[in-house]
Protein backbone atom coordinates (compact mmCIF):
# COMPACT_ATOMS: atom_id res chain seq x y z
CA GLU A 1 -64.92 63.88 -70.18
CA MET A 2 -68.37 63.31 -71.56
CA CYS A 3 -71.43 61.88 -69.72
CA ILE A 4 -74.39 60.67 -71.64
CA ARG A 5 -77.71 60.75 -69.86
CA ASP A 6 -81.43 60.19 -70.15
CA ARG A 7 -83.83 62.72 -69.17
CA TYR A 8 -85.25 61.08 -66.06
CA GLN A 9 -82.03 61.61 -64.34
CA ARG A 10 -81.18 65.33 -65.20
CA ARG A 11 -80.45 66.46 -61.64
CA VAL A 12 -78.28 63.45 -60.71
CA HIS A 13 -75.85 64.03 -63.64
CA GLY A 14 -75.70 67.61 -63.30
CA GLU A 15 -74.68 67.29 -59.62
CA ALA A 16 -71.97 64.82 -60.41
CA ALA A 17 -70.67 67.12 -63.29
CA ALA A 18 -70.49 69.96 -60.81
CA MET A 19 -68.64 67.64 -58.23
CA ALA A 20 -66.19 66.96 -61.14
CA GLU A 21 -65.77 70.56 -62.05
CA LYS A 22 -64.50 71.23 -58.53
CA ASP A 23 -61.74 68.52 -59.42
CA GLY A 24 -60.77 70.57 -62.47
CA ILE A 25 -62.62 67.90 -64.89
CA SER A 26 -64.94 69.49 -67.52
CA CYS A 27 -67.90 67.18 -68.29
CA GLU A 28 -70.08 67.48 -71.32
CA VAL A 29 -73.46 66.17 -70.46
CA ILE A 30 -75.81 65.23 -73.13
CA ASP A 31 -79.55 64.82 -72.71
CA LEU A 32 -80.57 62.26 -75.41
CA GLN A 33 -84.38 63.70 -75.07
CA THR A 34 -85.71 60.55 -76.89
CA LEU A 35 -84.72 56.88 -76.75
CA TYR A 36 -85.42 56.34 -80.26
CA PRO A 37 -84.76 57.96 -82.70
CA TYR A 38 -81.52 59.14 -80.80
CA ASP A 39 -79.17 61.97 -81.98
CA GLY A 40 -76.12 59.36 -82.72
CA GLU A 41 -74.39 62.23 -84.62
CA THR A 42 -73.87 64.45 -81.42
CA LEU A 43 -72.88 61.58 -79.45
CA ILE A 44 -70.17 60.56 -81.83
CA LYS A 45 -69.05 64.15 -82.26
CA SER A 46 -68.71 64.48 -78.66
CA LEU A 47 -66.78 61.43 -78.07
CA ASN A 48 -64.31 62.20 -80.91
CA LYS A 49 -63.72 65.45 -79.15
CA THR A 50 -63.19 64.06 -75.50
CA GLY A 51 -62.03 60.51 -76.10
CA ARG A 52 -64.02 59.68 -73.18
CA CYS A 53 -67.76 58.29 -72.36
CA ILE A 54 -69.89 57.52 -69.49
CA ILE A 55 -73.41 56.10 -70.26
CA SER A 56 -75.77 56.22 -67.47
CA HIS A 57 -79.65 55.23 -67.31
CA GLU A 58 -81.89 53.56 -64.86
CA ALA A 59 -82.47 50.56 -66.58
CA PRO A 60 -80.36 47.33 -65.95
CA VAL A 61 -76.99 47.27 -67.56
CA THR A 62 -77.54 44.19 -69.46
CA CYS A 63 -79.52 44.77 -72.55
CA GLY A 64 -80.36 48.48 -71.84
CA LEU A 65 -80.22 51.37 -73.91
CA GLY A 66 -76.61 51.93 -72.82
CA SER A 67 -75.49 48.49 -74.40
CA GLU A 68 -77.03 49.77 -77.92
CA LEU A 69 -75.16 53.15 -77.52
CA ALA A 70 -71.89 51.57 -76.21
CA ALA A 71 -71.77 49.21 -79.29
CA ILE A 72 -72.49 52.15 -81.86
CA LEU A 73 -69.90 54.42 -80.32
CA GLN A 74 -67.41 51.56 -80.14
CA GLU A 75 -67.82 50.76 -83.92
CA LYS A 76 -67.79 54.47 -84.91
CA CYS A 77 -65.03 56.06 -82.44
CA PHE A 78 -62.83 53.07 -81.41
CA LEU A 79 -59.60 54.77 -82.51
CA ARG A 80 -60.41 57.98 -80.57
CA LEU A 81 -61.28 56.34 -77.33
CA GLU A 82 -58.60 57.58 -74.47
CA ALA A 83 -60.37 55.19 -71.79
CA PRO A 84 -63.02 52.24 -72.17
CA LEU A 85 -66.77 53.11 -72.49
CA LEU A 86 -68.12 53.00 -68.82
CA ARG A 87 -71.86 52.23 -68.26
CA ILE A 88 -73.46 53.53 -64.85
CA CYS A 89 -76.92 51.67 -64.72
CA GLY A 90 -79.08 49.82 -62.59
CA TYR A 91 -78.36 46.27 -61.39
CA ASP A 92 -79.11 43.30 -63.21
CA THR A 93 -81.85 42.20 -60.76
CA PRO A 94 -85.55 42.89 -60.43
CA PHE A 95 -86.33 46.50 -59.58
CA PRO A 96 -86.60 46.65 -55.76
CA MET A 97 -89.15 49.21 -54.84
CA SER A 98 -88.04 49.49 -51.14
CA HIS A 99 -84.45 49.71 -52.04
CA GLU A 100 -84.68 52.04 -55.00
CA PRO A 101 -81.89 54.48 -53.76
CA LEU A 102 -79.53 51.58 -53.64
CA TYR A 103 -80.54 50.34 -57.29
CA LEU A 104 -80.44 53.58 -59.16
CA PRO A 105 -77.38 55.39 -60.52
CA ASP A 106 -76.63 58.46 -58.04
CA LYS A 107 -74.26 61.23 -58.13
CA TRP A 108 -71.63 59.40 -56.03
CA LYS A 109 -71.70 56.28 -58.58
CA ILE A 110 -71.52 58.50 -61.52
CA TYR A 111 -68.81 60.95 -59.90
CA ASP A 112 -66.72 57.83 -59.18
CA GLY A 113 -67.14 56.70 -62.71
CA ILE A 114 -65.89 60.16 -63.98
CA LYS A 115 -62.81 59.95 -61.93
CA LYS A 116 -62.21 56.14 -62.86
CA THR A 117 -62.47 57.40 -66.47
CA MET A 118 -60.24 60.19 -66.10
CA ASN A 119 -57.60 58.07 -64.23
CA TYR A 120 -57.56 55.43 -66.83
């Protein structure tokens, strides 16, 4: 299993990976460090090794960085995929300051995504 994350949600992704470890699922968590240029070589190597990928960030799912990463990984690694690429991001709505916890990806959404990807 592979999870890709941005540096702003470091704790959340680590918690979801730890929850998955208890279920016997090993997660490789990659912190991109920068949005551009990003380390595409590391992402491609990891996806070729695991066959699975979850992309998570705080921006809306449509037109976010995750869309670009998913397109590149799909182009480069299609024949190695064991499951469809999964994006767990914010919703396609204006950012709701008062309902931030409902909008942002949390450990439970990511954990559910990990299970969904592994059970595909």
